[in-house]
Amino acid sequence: MIGGAIDFRIIGENWDETLRLAASIKAGTVAPSILMRRLAAYPKQNALAKTLREMGRLERTLFTLDWISDPALRRRTNAGLNKGEARNALARAVFFHRLGEIRDRTFENQRYRASGLNLVVAAVILWNTVYLSHAVAELRSNGERVRDDLLAHIAPLGWEHITFNGDYVWPTEPLQNAFRPLRNPRSELLDVA
């Protein structure tokens, strides 16, 4: 589509070498990252690198055609991107004091801070997942119909219900069943009426 025609000749000439390379990667003989570094280190692009580039262009063209012709693929991709953006927004909310910047000088301290951030984000996601599953079980036990195909679209990435700064209140007596009671939006609406 863009960038000229694909050179099928060079792919055919280097097909055996490309298969050996793919077999080495699949068998674990060579790591893909090491291979890419070696191919990039050549002063001139060798035939194998050109072949891989042409195969990548071919794959990109096929994907672009699928993208154009398949609205479901576009929806799935956008849903995945939205979940990734929601996870990044959660990380920014957790990491509010330094405005999302890791300012430690040493790589080790930067790694500790990033690992701590990932741990807190994972804890929030776990907390949300546990409570969402508890809420679904509660709804189903009350006779509500909760469709599994709709649950697939719910991501445990919200944080509006979590206080990241301010006053923390810890109950002195343990909670029964180790869960806080779920809010019932219907009863809240009835209280207002």
N, C-alpha and C. Protein backbone atom coordinates (compact mmCIF):
# COMPACT_ATOMS: atom_id res chain seq x y z
N MET A 1 0.83 -1.19 0.00
CA MET A 1 0.00 0.00 0.00
C MET A 1 0.87 1.25 0.00
N ILE A 2 1.70 1.39 1.04
CA ILE A 2 2.56 2.57 1.14
C ILE A 2 3.99 2.07 1.20
N GLY A 3 4.88 2.72 0.47
CA GLY A 3 6.29 2.36 0.56
C GLY A 3 6.76 1.45 -0.56
N GLY A 4 6.01 1.29 -1.60
CA GLY A 4 6.46 0.51 -2.73
C GLY A 4 6.10 -0.96 -2.62
N ALA A 5 6.45 -1.70 -3.67
CA ALA A 5 6.11 -3.12 -3.75
C ALA A 5 7.03 -3.94 -2.85
N ILE A 6 6.50 -5.06 -2.39
CA ILE A 6 7.28 -5.98 -1.56
C ILE A 6 8.18 -6.81 -2.48
N ASP A 7 9.43 -6.98 -2.06
CA ASP A 7 10.41 -7.72 -2.86
C ASP A 7 10.31 -9.21 -2.51
N PHE A 8 9.47 -9.94 -3.25
CA PHE A 8 9.30 -11.37 -3.00
C PHE A 8 10.53 -12.16 -3.41
N ARG A 9 11.33 -11.62 -4.31
CA ARG A 9 12.53 -12.32 -4.77
C ARG A 9 13.49 -12.56 -3.61
N ILE A 10 13.74 -11.50 -2.81
CA ILE A 10 14.70 -11.65 -1.71
C ILE A 10 14.15 -12.59 -0.64
N ILE A 11 12.83 -12.61 -0.46
CA ILE A 11 12.23 -13.55 0.50
C ILE A 11 12.47 -14.98 0.03
N GLY A 12 12.25 -15.24 -1.26
CA GLY A 12 12.47 -16.58 -1.80
C GLY A 12 13.93 -17.01 -1.72
N GLU A 13 14.85 -16.10 -2.01
CA GLU A 13 16.28 -16.43 -1.99
C GLU A 13 16.76 -16.76 -0.58
N ASN A 14 16.18 -16.17 0.43
CA ASN A 14 16.64 -16.36 1.81
C ASN A 14 15.66 -17.16 2.66
N TRP A 15 14.76 -17.88 2.02
CA TRP A 15 13.72 -18.60 2.75
C TRP A 15 14.30 -19.65 3.70
N ASP A 16 15.29 -20.44 3.23
CA ASP A 16 15.86 -21.49 4.08
C ASP A 16 16.54 -20.89 5.31
N GLU A 17 17.29 -19.81 5.11
CA GLU A 17 17.96 -19.14 6.23
C GLU A 17 16.94 -18.57 7.22
N THR A 18 15.84 -18.05 6.70
CA THR A 18 14.77 -17.50 7.56
C THR A 18 14.13 -18.61 8.37
N LEU A 19 13.91 -19.78 7.76
CA LEU A 19 13.34 -20.92 8.50
C LEU A 19 14.29 -21.39 9.59
N ARG A 20 15.60 -21.44 9.31
CA ARG A 20 16.57 -21.82 10.34
C ARG A 20 16.53 -20.83 11.50
N LEU A 21 16.44 -19.56 11.17
CA LEU A 21 16.37 -18.52 12.20
C LEU A 21 15.12 -18.69 13.06
N ALA A 22 13.97 -18.92 12.42
CA ALA A 22 12.72 -19.11 13.16
C ALA A 22 12.79 -20.35 14.04
N ALA A 23 13.40 -21.43 13.53
CA ALA A 23 13.53 -22.66 14.32
C ALA A 23 14.44 -22.43 15.53
N SER A 24 15.50 -21.66 15.35
CA SER A 24 16.40 -21.35 16.48
C SER A 24 15.69 -20.55 17.55
N ILE A 25 14.87 -19.60 17.14
CA ILE A 25 14.11 -18.80 18.12
C ILE A 25 13.10 -19.69 18.83
N LYS A 26 12.38 -20.52 18.09
CA LYS A 26 11.36 -21.39 18.68
C LYS A 26 11.99 -22.39 19.64
N ALA A 27 13.15 -22.94 19.28
CA ALA A 27 13.83 -23.91 20.14
C ALA A 27 14.50 -23.26 21.34
N GLY A 28 14.62 -21.95 21.33
CA GLY A 28 15.25 -21.25 22.44
C GLY A 28 16.76 -21.17 22.33
N THR A 29 17.30 -21.52 21.18
CA THR A 29 18.74 -21.47 20.97
C THR A 29 19.26 -20.04 20.99
N VAL A 30 18.47 -19.13 20.46
CA VAL A 30 18.86 -17.72 20.43
C VAL A 30 17.65 -16.88 20.85
N ALA A 31 17.91 -15.84 21.62
CA ALA A 31 16.85 -14.93 22.04
C ALA A 31 16.57 -13.94 20.91
N PRO A 32 15.31 -13.61 20.65
CA PRO A 32 15.00 -12.65 19.58
C PRO A 32 15.69 -11.30 19.77
N SER A 33 15.84 -10.86 21.01
CA SER A 33 16.48 -9.56 21.24
C SER A 33 17.94 -9.58 20.82
N ILE A 34 18.64 -10.68 21.10
CA ILE A 34 20.05 -10.80 20.70
C ILE A 34 20.15 -10.83 19.18
N LEU A 35 19.26 -11.57 18.56
CA LEU A 35 19.25 -11.65 17.11
C LEU A 35 19.05 -10.28 16.48
N MET A 36 18.10 -9.51 16.99
CA MET A 36 17.83 -8.18 16.43
C MET A 36 19.03 -7.26 16.62
N ARG A 37 19.71 -7.38 17.77
CA ARG A 37 20.91 -6.56 18.00
C ARG A 37 22.00 -6.91 16.99
N ARG A 38 22.18 -8.20 16.75
CA ARG A 38 23.22 -8.62 15.80
C ARG A 38 22.89 -8.14 14.39
N LEU A 39 21.64 -8.28 13.99
CA LEU A 39 21.27 -7.83 12.65
C LEU A 39 21.42 -6.32 12.51
N ALA A 40 21.13 -5.58 13.58
CA ALA A 40 21.25 -4.12 13.53
C ALA A 40 22.71 -3.67 13.57
N ALA A 41 23.61 -4.53 14.05
CA ALA A 41 25.01 -4.15 14.20
C ALA A 41 25.77 -4.15 12.87
N TYR A 42 25.26 -4.82 11.86
CA TYR A 42 25.95 -4.84 10.57
C TYR A 42 25.95 -3.44 9.97
N PRO A 43 27.12 -3.01 9.42
CA PRO A 43 27.16 -1.67 8.83
C PRO A 43 26.23 -1.54 7.62
N LYS A 44 26.15 -2.59 6.82
CA LYS A 44 25.20 -2.62 5.71
C LYS A 44 24.16 -3.68 6.03
N GLN A 45 22.96 -3.45 5.56
CA GLN A 45 21.89 -4.40 5.84
C GLN A 45 22.16 -5.69 5.06
N ASN A 46 22.28 -6.82 5.78
CA ASN A 46 22.54 -8.07 5.08
C ASN A 46 21.24 -8.64 4.52
N ALA A 47 21.36 -9.72 3.76
CA ALA A 47 20.20 -10.28 3.06
C ALA A 47 19.13 -10.76 4.02
N LEU A 48 19.53 -11.34 5.16
CA LEU A 48 18.54 -11.84 6.12
C LEU A 48 17.75 -10.68 6.73
N ALA A 49 18.42 -9.60 7.05
CA ALA A 49 17.72 -8.43 7.60
C ALA A 49 16.75 -7.86 6.57
N LYS A 50 17.18 -7.80 5.31
CA LYS A 50 16.28 -7.32 4.26
C LYS A 50 15.07 -8.24 4.10
N THR A 51 15.32 -9.55 4.19
CA THR A 51 14.22 -10.52 4.08
C THR A 51 13.22 -10.32 5.21
N LEU A 52 13.73 -10.18 6.43
CA LEU A 52 12.84 -9.98 7.58
C LEU A 52 12.06 -8.68 7.45
N ARG A 53 12.72 -7.64 6.94
CA ARG A 53 12.02 -6.37 6.73
C ARG A 53 10.89 -6.53 5.72
N GLU A 54 11.16 -7.22 4.62
CA GLU A 54 10.13 -7.42 3.60
C GLU A 54 8.98 -8.28 4.13
N MET A 55 9.30 -9.30 4.94
CA MET A 55 8.25 -10.13 5.53
C MET A 55 7.42 -9.31 6.51
N GLY A 56 8.07 -8.42 7.23
CA GLY A 56 7.34 -7.53 8.14
C GLY A 56 6.42 -6.59 7.39
N ARG A 57 6.88 -6.08 6.27
CA ARG A 57 6.03 -5.21 5.44
C ARG A 57 4.82 -5.99 4.92
N LEU A 58 5.06 -7.25 4.53
CA LEU A 58 3.95 -8.09 4.06
C LEU A 58 2.94 -8.32 5.17
N GLU A 59 3.43 -8.65 6.36
CA GLU A 59 2.53 -8.87 7.50
C GLU A 59 1.76 -7.60 7.85
N ARG A 60 2.45 -6.46 7.82
CA ARG A 60 1.78 -5.19 8.11
C ARG A 60 0.69 -4.90 7.09
N THR A 61 0.95 -5.21 5.83
CA THR A 61 -0.06 -5.00 4.79
C THR A 61 -1.28 -5.88 5.02
N LEU A 62 -1.05 -7.15 5.35
CA LEU A 62 -2.17 -8.06 5.62
C LEU A 62 -2.97 -7.59 6.82
N PHE A 63 -2.27 -7.15 7.87
CA PHE A 63 -2.98 -6.66 9.05
C PHE A 63 -3.79 -5.40 8.72
N THR A 64 -3.21 -4.51 7.93
CA THR A 64 -3.92 -3.29 7.56
C THR A 64 -5.19 -3.61 6.78
N LEU A 65 -5.10 -4.57 5.88
CA LEU A 65 -6.29 -4.98 5.13
C LEU A 65 -7.35 -5.58 6.06
N ASP A 66 -6.90 -6.41 7.02
CA ASP A 66 -7.84 -6.96 8.02
C ASP A 66 -8.46 -5.83 8.82
N TRP A 67 -7.65 -4.86 9.21
CA TRP A 67 -8.12 -3.73 10.02
C TRP A 67 -9.20 -2.94 9.27
N ILE A 68 -8.96 -2.70 8.00
CA ILE A 68 -9.92 -1.94 7.20
C ILE A 68 -11.23 -2.71 7.01
N SER A 69 -11.13 -4.02 6.81
CA SER A 69 -12.33 -4.80 6.46
C SER A 69 -13.06 -5.40 7.65
N ASP A 70 -12.48 -5.35 8.86
CA ASP A 70 -13.09 -6.04 10.00
C ASP A 70 -13.40 -5.07 11.14
N PRO A 71 -14.63 -4.59 11.25
CA PRO A 71 -14.99 -3.67 12.35
C PRO A 71 -14.84 -4.32 13.72
N ALA A 72 -15.06 -5.64 13.81
CA ALA A 72 -14.92 -6.33 15.10
C ALA A 72 -13.47 -6.28 15.58
N LEU A 73 -12.52 -6.42 14.68
CA LEU A 73 -11.10 -6.32 15.04
C LEU A 73 -10.80 -4.93 15.57
N ARG A 74 -11.33 -3.91 14.94
CA ARG A 74 -11.10 -2.54 15.41
C ARG A 74 -11.70 -2.34 16.80
N ARG A 75 -12.89 -2.89 17.04
CA ARG A 75 -13.52 -2.75 18.36
C ARG A 75 -12.69 -3.46 19.44
N ARG A 76 -12.24 -4.71 19.13
CA ARG A 76 -11.43 -5.46 20.11
C ARG A 76 -10.13 -4.73 20.41
N THR A 77 -9.50 -4.20 19.38
CA THR A 77 -8.24 -3.48 19.56
C THR A 77 -8.45 -2.23 20.40
N ASN A 78 -9.49 -1.47 20.10
CA ASN A 78 -9.78 -0.26 20.88
C ASN A 78 -10.12 -0.60 22.32
N ALA A 79 -10.83 -1.71 22.55
CA ALA A 79 -11.15 -2.11 23.92
C ALA A 79 -9.87 -2.43 24.68
N GLY A 80 -8.94 -3.14 24.02
CA GLY A 80 -7.66 -3.44 24.66
C GLY A 80 -6.85 -2.19 24.95
N LEU A 81 -6.84 -1.26 24.00
CA LEU A 81 -6.13 0.00 24.22
C LEU A 81 -6.76 0.80 25.36
N ASN A 82 -8.09 0.80 25.43
CA ASN A 82 -8.77 1.52 26.50
C ASN A 82 -8.42 0.93 27.86
N LYS A 83 -8.33 -0.40 27.94
CA LYS A 83 -7.95 -1.03 29.22
C LYS A 83 -6.51 -0.66 29.59
N GLY A 84 -5.64 -0.63 28.59
CA GLY A 84 -4.26 -0.22 28.86
C GLY A 84 -4.18 1.22 29.34
N GLU A 85 -4.96 2.09 28.72
CA GLU A 85 -4.99 3.50 29.14
C GLU A 85 -5.59 3.63 30.54
N ALA A 86 -6.60 2.82 30.85
CA ALA A 86 -7.20 2.87 32.19
C ALA A 86 -6.19 2.41 33.24
N ARG A 87 -5.37 1.41 32.91
CA ARG A 87 -4.34 0.95 33.85
C ARG A 87 -3.30 2.05 34.06
N ASN A 88 -2.92 2.73 32.97
CA ASN A 88 -1.96 3.82 33.10
C ASN A 88 -2.54 4.98 33.91
N ALA A 89 -3.83 5.25 33.74
CA ALA A 89 -4.48 6.32 34.52
C ALA A 89 -4.50 5.94 36.00
N LEU A 90 -4.75 4.68 36.30
CA LEU A 90 -4.71 4.21 37.69
C LEU A 90 -3.31 4.40 38.26
N ALA A 91 -2.29 4.04 37.49
CA ALA A 91 -0.91 4.21 37.96
C ALA A 91 -0.60 5.69 38.21
N ARG A 92 -1.08 6.58 37.34
CA ARG A 92 -0.87 8.02 37.57
C ARG A 92 -1.58 8.48 38.83
N ALA A 93 -2.77 7.94 39.09
CA ALA A 93 -3.51 8.33 40.30
C ALA A 93 -2.78 7.86 41.55
N VAL A 94 -2.20 6.67 41.50
CA VAL A 94 -1.46 6.14 42.65
C VAL A 94 -0.18 6.95 42.85
N PHE A 95 0.45 7.35 41.79
CA PHE A 95 1.76 7.98 41.81
C PHE A 95 1.63 9.49 41.73
N PHE A 96 0.80 10.06 42.59
CA PHE A 96 0.43 11.47 42.44
C PHE A 96 1.45 12.45 43.01
N HIS A 97 2.20 12.10 44.04
CA HIS A 97 3.06 13.08 44.70
C HIS A 97 4.20 13.57 43.81
N ARG A 98 4.73 12.72 42.97
CA ARG A 98 5.85 13.14 42.12
C ARG A 98 5.38 13.42 40.70
N LEU A 99 4.10 13.59 40.52
CA LEU A 99 3.52 13.93 39.22
C LEU A 99 3.88 12.90 38.15
N GLY A 100 3.97 11.64 38.56
CA GLY A 100 4.24 10.57 37.60
C GLY A 100 5.68 10.46 37.16
N GLU A 101 6.58 11.15 37.82
CA GLU A 101 7.99 11.11 37.43
C GLU A 101 8.79 10.35 38.46
N ILE A 102 9.66 9.48 37.98
CA ILE A 102 10.58 8.78 38.86
C ILE A 102 11.87 9.58 38.84
N ARG A 103 12.18 10.21 39.96
CA ARG A 103 13.31 11.14 40.00
C ARG A 103 14.51 10.58 40.74
N ASP A 104 14.49 9.32 41.08
CA ASP A 104 15.63 8.73 41.78
C ASP A 104 16.84 8.71 40.86
N ARG A 105 18.01 8.86 41.44
CA ARG A 105 19.21 8.98 40.61
C ARG A 105 19.74 7.63 40.15
N THR A 106 19.69 6.63 41.00
CA THR A 106 20.26 5.34 40.62
C THR A 106 19.20 4.47 39.97
N PHE A 107 19.68 3.63 39.06
CA PHE A 107 18.78 2.72 38.37
C PHE A 107 18.10 1.77 39.36
N GLU A 108 18.85 1.34 40.36
CA GLU A 108 18.29 0.42 41.36
C GLU A 108 17.12 1.06 42.10
N ASN A 109 17.28 2.31 42.52
CA ASN A 109 16.18 3.00 43.21
C ASN A 109 15.01 3.26 42.27
N GLN A 110 15.29 3.56 41.01
CA GLN A 110 14.21 3.72 40.03
C GLN A 110 13.43 2.42 39.88
N ARG A 111 14.17 1.32 39.84
CA ARG A 111 13.53 0.01 39.71
C ARG A 111 12.68 -0.30 40.94
N TYR A 112 13.19 0.02 42.13
CA TYR A 112 12.41 -0.20 43.36
C TYR A 112 11.12 0.61 43.33
N ARG A 113 11.22 1.86 42.92
CA ARG A 113 10.03 2.72 42.89
C ARG A 113 9.02 2.21 41.86
N ALA A 114 9.49 1.83 40.68
CA ALA A 114 8.59 1.30 39.65
C ALA A 114 7.97 -0.02 40.10
N SER A 115 8.74 -0.86 40.76
CA SER A 115 8.20 -2.13 41.26
C SER A 115 7.16 -1.88 42.34
N GLY A 116 7.42 -0.91 43.21
CA GLY A 116 6.44 -0.56 44.24
C GLY A 116 5.15 -0.04 43.63
N LEU A 117 5.28 0.79 42.59
CA LEU A 117 4.10 1.30 41.90
C LEU A 117 3.30 0.15 41.29
N ASN A 118 3.99 -0.78 40.63
CA ASN A 118 3.30 -1.93 40.04
C ASN A 118 2.63 -2.79 41.11
N LEU A 119 3.26 -2.92 42.27
CA LEU A 119 2.67 -3.70 43.36
C LEU A 119 1.39 -3.05 43.87
N VAL A 120 1.40 -1.73 44.06
CA VAL A 120 0.21 -1.03 44.55
C VAL A 120 -0.90 -1.09 43.50
N VAL A 121 -0.57 -0.90 42.23
CA VAL A 121 -1.57 -0.99 41.17
C VAL A 121 -2.17 -2.39 41.13
N ALA A 122 -1.33 -3.42 41.25
CA ALA A 122 -1.83 -4.80 41.26
C ALA A 122 -2.73 -5.05 42.48
N ALA A 123 -2.39 -4.45 43.63
CA ALA A 123 -3.22 -4.61 44.82
C ALA A 123 -4.59 -3.96 44.62
N VAL A 124 -4.63 -2.79 44.00
CA VAL A 124 -5.92 -2.13 43.73
C VAL A 124 -6.75 -2.97 42.77
N ILE A 125 -6.11 -3.51 41.73
CA ILE A 125 -6.83 -4.34 40.77
C ILE A 125 -7.35 -5.61 41.44
N LEU A 126 -6.53 -6.22 42.30
CA LEU A 126 -6.98 -7.41 43.03
C LEU A 126 -8.16 -7.07 43.93
N TRP A 127 -8.06 -5.98 44.67
CA TRP A 127 -9.15 -5.53 45.56
C TRP A 127 -10.45 -5.35 44.76
N ASN A 128 -10.34 -4.67 43.64
CA ASN A 128 -11.52 -4.44 42.80
C ASN A 128 -12.08 -5.75 42.25
N THR A 129 -11.20 -6.66 41.85
CA THR A 129 -11.65 -7.95 41.30
C THR A 129 -12.39 -8.75 42.35
N VAL A 130 -11.85 -8.79 43.56
CA VAL A 130 -12.51 -9.53 44.65
C VAL A 130 -13.88 -8.94 44.94
N TYR A 131 -13.95 -7.62 45.03
CA TYR A 131 -15.24 -7.00 45.35
C TYR A 131 -16.23 -7.08 44.18
N LEU A 132 -15.75 -7.00 42.96
CA LEU A 132 -16.65 -7.18 41.82
C LEU A 132 -17.22 -8.60 41.79
N SER A 133 -16.38 -9.60 42.05
CA SER A 133 -16.89 -10.97 42.07
C SER A 133 -17.85 -11.17 43.23
N HIS A 134 -17.57 -10.52 44.35
CA HIS A 134 -18.49 -10.58 45.50
C HIS A 134 -19.82 -9.92 45.15
N ALA A 135 -19.78 -8.80 44.46
CA ALA A 135 -21.01 -8.10 44.07
C ALA A 135 -21.82 -8.93 43.07
N VAL A 136 -21.15 -9.58 42.12
CA VAL A 136 -21.85 -10.42 41.15
C VAL A 136 -22.49 -11.61 41.86
N ALA A 137 -21.76 -12.23 42.79
CA ALA A 137 -22.33 -13.35 43.54
C ALA A 137 -23.54 -12.90 44.36
N GLU A 138 -23.47 -11.72 44.94
CA GLU A 138 -24.59 -11.18 45.72
C GLU A 138 -25.81 -10.94 44.83
N LEU A 139 -25.58 -10.35 43.66
CA LEU A 139 -26.69 -10.12 42.73
C LEU A 139 -27.33 -11.43 42.30
N ARG A 140 -26.50 -12.41 41.98
CA ARG A 140 -27.03 -13.70 41.53
C ARG A 140 -27.77 -14.42 42.66
N SER A 141 -27.28 -14.28 43.89
CA SER A 141 -27.98 -14.93 45.01
C SER A 141 -29.33 -14.28 45.28
N ASN A 142 -29.49 -13.02 44.88
CA ASN A 142 -30.77 -12.32 45.03
C ASN A 142 -31.68 -12.53 43.82
N GLY A 143 -31.28 -13.42 42.91
CA GLY A 143 -32.13 -13.73 41.76
C GLY A 143 -31.92 -12.83 40.56
N GLU A 144 -30.97 -11.92 40.63
CA GLU A 144 -30.68 -11.05 39.48
C GLU A 144 -29.93 -11.86 38.41
N ARG A 145 -30.21 -11.56 37.17
CA ARG A 145 -29.52 -12.23 36.07
C ARG A 145 -28.33 -11.36 35.66
N VAL A 146 -27.13 -11.90 35.79
CA VAL A 146 -25.91 -11.20 35.38
C VAL A 146 -25.27 -12.03 34.28
N ARG A 147 -25.27 -11.50 33.08
CA ARG A 147 -24.76 -12.25 31.93
C ARG A 147 -23.23 -12.25 31.90
N ASP A 148 -22.67 -13.45 31.67
CA ASP A 148 -21.22 -13.58 31.62
C ASP A 148 -20.61 -12.81 30.45
N ASP A 149 -21.33 -12.72 29.33
CA ASP A 149 -20.77 -11.99 28.19
C ASP A 149 -20.66 -10.49 28.48
N LEU A 150 -21.49 -9.98 29.39
CA LEU A 150 -21.36 -8.57 29.79
C LEU A 150 -20.23 -8.39 30.81
N LEU A 151 -20.02 -9.40 31.65
CA LEU A 151 -18.93 -9.31 32.64
C LEU A 151 -17.57 -9.24 31.95
N ALA A 152 -17.48 -9.80 30.76
CA ALA A 152 -16.21 -9.75 30.02
C ALA A 152 -15.80 -8.33 29.68
N HIS A 153 -16.74 -7.40 29.72
CA HIS A 153 -16.45 -6.00 29.36
C HIS A 153 -16.16 -5.14 30.58
N ILE A 154 -16.17 -5.73 31.76
CA ILE A 154 -15.91 -4.96 32.99
C ILE A 154 -14.45 -5.16 33.38
N ALA A 155 -13.74 -4.08 33.56
CA ALA A 155 -12.34 -4.13 33.97
C ALA A 155 -12.22 -3.59 35.39
N PRO A 156 -11.46 -4.25 36.24
CA PRO A 156 -11.32 -3.81 37.64
C PRO A 156 -10.29 -2.69 37.79
N LEU A 157 -10.41 -1.64 36.99
CA LEU A 157 -9.39 -0.60 36.95
C LEU A 157 -9.85 0.73 37.54
N GLY A 158 -11.04 0.78 38.10
CA GLY A 158 -11.51 2.02 38.70
C GLY A 158 -10.85 2.28 40.04
N TRP A 159 -10.79 3.54 40.44
CA TRP A 159 -10.19 3.87 41.74
C TRP A 159 -10.93 5.00 42.45
N GLU A 160 -12.05 5.42 41.93
CA GLU A 160 -12.75 6.55 42.53
C GLU A 160 -13.18 6.26 43.97
N HIS A 161 -13.35 4.99 44.31
CA HIS A 161 -13.79 4.59 45.64
C HIS A 161 -12.62 4.42 46.61
N ILE A 162 -11.40 4.68 46.17
CA ILE A 162 -10.22 4.49 47.00
C ILE A 162 -9.62 5.85 47.33
N THR A 163 -9.33 6.07 48.60
CA THR A 163 -8.72 7.32 49.04
C THR A 163 -7.21 7.15 49.03
N PHE A 164 -6.53 7.87 48.16
CA PHE A 164 -5.08 7.77 48.08
C PHE A 164 -4.37 8.76 49.00
N ASN A 165 -5.05 9.81 49.39
CA ASN A 165 -4.46 10.75 50.33
C ASN A 165 -5.56 11.28 51.23
N GLY A 166 -5.17 11.79 52.38
CA GLY A 166 -6.17 12.32 53.31
C GLY A 166 -6.25 11.47 54.56
N ASP A 167 -7.41 11.43 55.17
CA ASP A 167 -7.61 10.71 56.42
C ASP A 167 -7.99 9.26 56.13
N TYR A 168 -7.37 8.36 56.88
CA TYR A 168 -7.69 6.94 56.78
C TYR A 168 -8.37 6.53 58.07
N VAL A 169 -9.48 5.84 57.96
CA VAL A 169 -10.21 5.37 59.13
C VAL A 169 -10.14 3.85 59.15
N TRP A 170 -9.59 3.31 60.23
CA TRP A 170 -9.47 1.87 60.37
C TRP A 170 -10.46 1.41 61.43
N PRO A 171 -11.37 0.48 61.09
CA PRO A 171 -12.32 0.01 62.10
C PRO A 171 -11.58 -0.77 63.19
N THR A 172 -12.06 -0.61 64.43
CA THR A 172 -11.40 -1.29 65.55
C THR A 172 -11.82 -2.74 65.67
N GLU A 173 -13.07 -3.05 65.32
CA GLU A 173 -13.48 -4.45 65.38
C GLU A 173 -13.42 -5.06 63.97
N PRO A 174 -13.06 -6.34 63.90
CA PRO A 174 -12.93 -6.97 62.57
C PRO A 174 -14.28 -7.08 61.87
N LEU A 175 -14.24 -7.02 60.56
CA LEU A 175 -15.45 -7.14 59.75
C LEU A 175 -15.87 -8.60 59.68
N GLN A 176 -17.17 -8.84 59.72
CA GLN A 176 -17.66 -10.20 59.55
C GLN A 176 -17.45 -10.60 58.10
N ASN A 177 -17.05 -11.83 57.88
CA ASN A 177 -16.78 -12.37 56.55
C ASN A 177 -15.64 -11.63 55.84
N ALA A 178 -14.93 -10.77 56.52
CA ALA A 178 -13.77 -10.03 56.00
C ALA A 178 -14.10 -9.12 54.82
N PHE A 179 -15.38 -8.84 54.58
CA PHE A 179 -15.77 -7.92 53.52
C PHE A 179 -16.59 -6.79 54.10
N ARG A 180 -16.41 -5.61 53.56
CA ARG A 180 -17.31 -4.52 53.90
C ARG A 180 -18.64 -4.80 53.22
N PRO A 181 -19.74 -4.34 53.80
CA PRO A 181 -21.03 -4.58 53.14
C PRO A 181 -21.10 -3.82 51.82
N LEU A 182 -21.73 -4.46 50.86
CA LEU A 182 -21.91 -3.84 49.55
C LEU A 182 -23.00 -2.79 49.62
N ARG A 183 -22.83 -1.71 48.87
CA ARG A 183 -23.88 -0.70 48.81
C ARG A 183 -24.97 -1.18 47.87
N ASN A 184 -26.21 -0.90 48.22
CA ASN A 184 -27.33 -1.25 47.36
C ASN A 184 -27.87 0.03 46.75
N PRO A 185 -27.60 0.28 45.48
CA PRO A 185 -28.04 1.54 44.88
C PRO A 185 -29.56 1.69 44.88
N ARG A 186 -30.28 0.57 44.84
CA ARG A 186 -31.74 0.67 44.85
C ARG A 186 -32.24 1.19 46.19
N SER A 187 -31.64 0.73 47.29
CA SER A 187 -32.10 1.21 48.59
C SER A 187 -31.72 2.67 48.79
N GLU A 188 -30.58 3.10 48.23
CA GLU A 188 -30.20 4.51 48.33
C GLU A 188 -31.19 5.39 47.57
N LEU A 189 -31.66 4.90 46.42
CA LEU A 189 -32.66 5.66 45.67
C LEU A 189 -33.99 5.71 46.42
N LEU A 190 -34.34 4.62 47.09
CA LEU A 190 -35.59 4.60 47.86
C LEU A 190 -35.51 5.55 49.05
N ASP A 191 -34.31 5.66 49.67
CA ASP A 191 -34.14 6.57 50.80
C ASP A 191 -34.33 8.02 50.37
N VAL A 192 -33.89 8.35 49.16
CA VAL A 192 -34.02 9.71 48.65
C VAL A 192 -35.48 10.04 48.36
N ALA A 193 -36.23 9.06 47.84
CA ALA A 193 -37.63 9.28 47.45
C ALA A 193 -38.53 9.39 48.62
